[in-house]
C-alpha atoms as a PDB file:
ATOM      1  CA  MET A   1     -34.772 -36.706  30.482  1.00  0.00           C
ATOM      2  CA  LEU A   2     -35.942 -33.124  30.276  1.00  0.00           C
ATOM      3  CA  GLN A   3     -32.669 -31.931  31.793  1.00  0.00           C
ATOM      4  CA  MET A   4     -30.714 -33.870  29.192  1.00  0.00           C
ATOM      5  CA  SER A   5     -32.540 -32.186  26.289  1.00  0.00           C
ATOM      6  CA  LYS A   6     -31.951 -28.741  27.818  1.00  0.00           C
ATOM      7  CA  MET A   7     -28.288 -29.541  28.197  1.00  0.00           C
ATOM      8  CA  LEU A   8     -27.999 -30.784  24.597  1.00  0.00           C
ATOM      9  CA  ARG A   9     -29.830 -27.735  23.264  1.00  0.00           C
ATOM     10  CA  SER A  10     -27.598 -25.453  25.285  1.00  0.00           C
ATOM     11  CA  ARG A  11     -24.513 -27.265  24.031  1.00  0.00           C
ATOM     12  CA  ASP A  12     -25.706 -27.055  20.426  1.00  0.00           C
ATOM     13  CA  THR A  13     -26.367 -23.327  20.793  1.00  0.00           C
ATOM     14  CA  TRP A  14     -22.945 -22.760  22.309  1.00  0.00           C
ATOM     15  CA  LYS A  15     -21.297 -24.886  19.617  1.00  0.00           C
ATOM     16  CA  ARG A  16     -23.107 -23.038  16.798  1.00  0.00           C
ATOM     17  CA  ALA A  17     -22.122 -19.659  18.260  1.00  0.00           C
ATOM     18  CA  THR A  18     -18.496 -20.752  18.643  1.00  0.00           C
ATOM     19  CA  ILE A  19     -18.310 -22.062  15.079  1.00  0.00           C
ATOM     20  CA  GLU A  20     -19.777 -18.816  13.748  1.00  0.00           C
ATOM     21  CA  CYS A  21     -17.351 -16.734  15.802  1.00  0.00           C
ATOM     22  CA  ARG A  22     -14.369 -18.796  14.630  1.00  0.00           C
ATOM     23  CA  TYR A  23     -15.506 -18.492  11.022  1.00  0.00           C
ATOM     24  CA  LYS A  24     -15.718 -14.694  11.328  1.00  0.00           C
ATOM     25  CA  LEU A  25     -12.255 -14.554  12.901  1.00  0.00           C
ATOM     26  CA  ARG A  26     -10.800 -16.750  10.161  1.00  0.00           C
ATOM     27  CA  GLU A  27     -12.331 -14.583   7.439  1.00  0.00           C
ATOM     28  CA  SER A  28     -11.096 -11.468   9.211  1.00  0.00           C
ATOM     29  CA  ARG A  29      -7.517 -12.809   9.272  1.00  0.00           C
ATOM     30  CA  LYS A  30      -7.701 -13.733   5.590  1.00  0.00           C
ATOM     31  CA  THR A  31      -8.981 -10.274   4.696  1.00  0.00           C
ATOM     32  CA  GLU A  32      -6.306  -8.591   6.795  1.00  0.00           C
ATOM     33  CA  LYS A  33      -3.618 -10.689   5.102  1.00  0.00           C
ATOM     34  CA  ARG A  34      -4.908  -9.696   1.650  1.00  0.00           C
ATOM     35  CA  HIS A  35      -4.989  -6.035   2.660  1.00  0.00           C
ATOM     36  CA  LEU A  36      -1.443  -6.138   4.041  1.00  0.00           C
ATOM     37  CA  LYS A  37      -0.220  -7.771   0.830  1.00  0.00           C
ATOM     38  CA  LYS A  38      -1.945  -5.088  -1.255  1.00  0.00           C
ATOM     39  CA  ILE A  39      -0.462  -2.345   0.941  1.00  0.00           C
ATOM     40  CA  ALA A  40       3.028  -3.813   0.464  1.00  0.00           C
ATOM     41  CA  GLU A  41       2.514  -3.917  -3.321  1.00  0.00           C
ATOM     42  CA  LEU A  42       1.311  -0.313  -3.398  1.00  0.00           C
ATOM     43  CA  LYS A  43       4.231   0.858  -1.242  1.00  0.00           C
ATOM     44  CA  LEU A  44       6.673  -0.839  -3.606  1.00  0.00           C
ATOM     45  CA  LYS A  45       4.996   0.739  -6.635  1.00  0.00           C
ATOM     46  CA  ASN A  46       5.023   4.145  -4.906  1.00  0.00           C
ATOM     47  CA  ARG A  47       8.731   3.805  -4.101  1.00  0.00           C
ATOM     48  CA  GLN A  48       9.495   2.855  -7.727  1.00  0.00           C
ATOM     49  CA  LEU A  49       7.520   5.806  -9.055  1.00  0.00           C
ATOM     50  CA  LYS A  50       9.332   8.170  -6.693  1.00  0.00           C
ATOM     51  CA  GLN A  51      12.691   6.854  -7.904  1.00  0.00           C
ATOM     52  CA  LEU A  52      11.578   7.218 -11.515  1.00  0.00           C
ATOM     53  CA  PHE A  53      10.389  10.764 -10.827  1.00  0.00           C
ATOM     54  CA  GLU A  54      13.677  11.690  -9.152  1.00  0.00           C
ATOM     55  CA  GLY A  55      15.594  10.237 -12.090  1.00  0.00           C
ATOM     56  CA  GLU A  56      13.498  12.218 -14.570  1.00  0.00           C
ATOM     57  CA  LYS A  57      13.929  15.354 -12.478  1.00  0.00           C
ATOM     58  CA  LYS A  58      17.715  14.971 -12.486  1.00  0.00           C
ATOM     59  CA  HIS A  59      17.670  14.238 -16.210  1.00  0.00           C
ATOM     60  CA  GLN A  60      15.584  17.355 -16.895  1.00  0.00           C
ATOM     61  CA  SER A  61      17.854  19.560 -14.799  1.00  0.00           C
ATOM     62  CA  SER A  62      20.923  18.248 -16.616  1.00  0.00           C
ATOM     63  CA  LEU A  63      19.264  18.996 -19.966  1.00  0.00           C
ATOM     64  CA  ILE A  64      18.413  22.514 -18.846  1.00  0.00           C
ATOM     65  CA  GLU A  65      21.997  23.067 -17.664  1.00  0.00           C
ATOM     66  CA  SER A  66      23.381  21.896 -21.015  1.00  0.00           C
ATOM     67  CA  GLU A  67      21.026  24.224 -22.918  1.00  0.00           C
ATOM     68  CA  LYS A  68      22.176  27.323 -21.013  1.00  0.00           C
ATOM     69  CA  PRO A  69      24.809  29.361 -22.846  1.00  0.00           C
ATOM     70  CA  PRO A  70      28.089  29.851 -21.022  1.00  0.00           C
ATOM     71  CA  LEU A  71      28.362  32.836 -18.712  1.00  0.00           C
ATOM     72  CA  LEU A  72      30.673  34.765 -21.064  1.00  0.00           C
ATOM     73  CA  LEU A  73      28.179  34.492 -23.919  1.00  0.00           C
ATOM     74  CA  GLN A  74      25.426  35.718 -21.651  1.00  0.00           C
ATOM     75  CA  GLN A  75      27.519  38.740 -20.685  1.00  0.00           C
ATOM     76  CA  LYS A  76      28.393  39.532 -24.316  1.00  0.00           C
ATOM     77  CA  MET A  77      24.734  39.351 -25.333  1.00  0.00           C
ATOM     78  CA  TYR A  78      23.863  41.670 -22.460  1.00  0.00           C
ATOM     79  CA  LEU A  79      26.562  44.193 -23.414  1.00  0.00           C
ATOM     80  CA  SER A  80      25.643  44.198 -27.108  1.00  0.00           C
END
């Protein structure tokens, strides 16, 4: 009977260790999934901000171009 109790104790120890290991792996996968989702959201937001920035940059350059006097007026002001 002594052998049987050793075997049961060993089995219980192994089972407890396996359950704990599986739990840690499951939590690790869940955490990784959340992190990947957050990374995807941040990449999308970054891409949108870059597009917005490029649009603003183009808009600013077009405003600056429209504010410049024509070349002939610049030359007349220089000669005056």
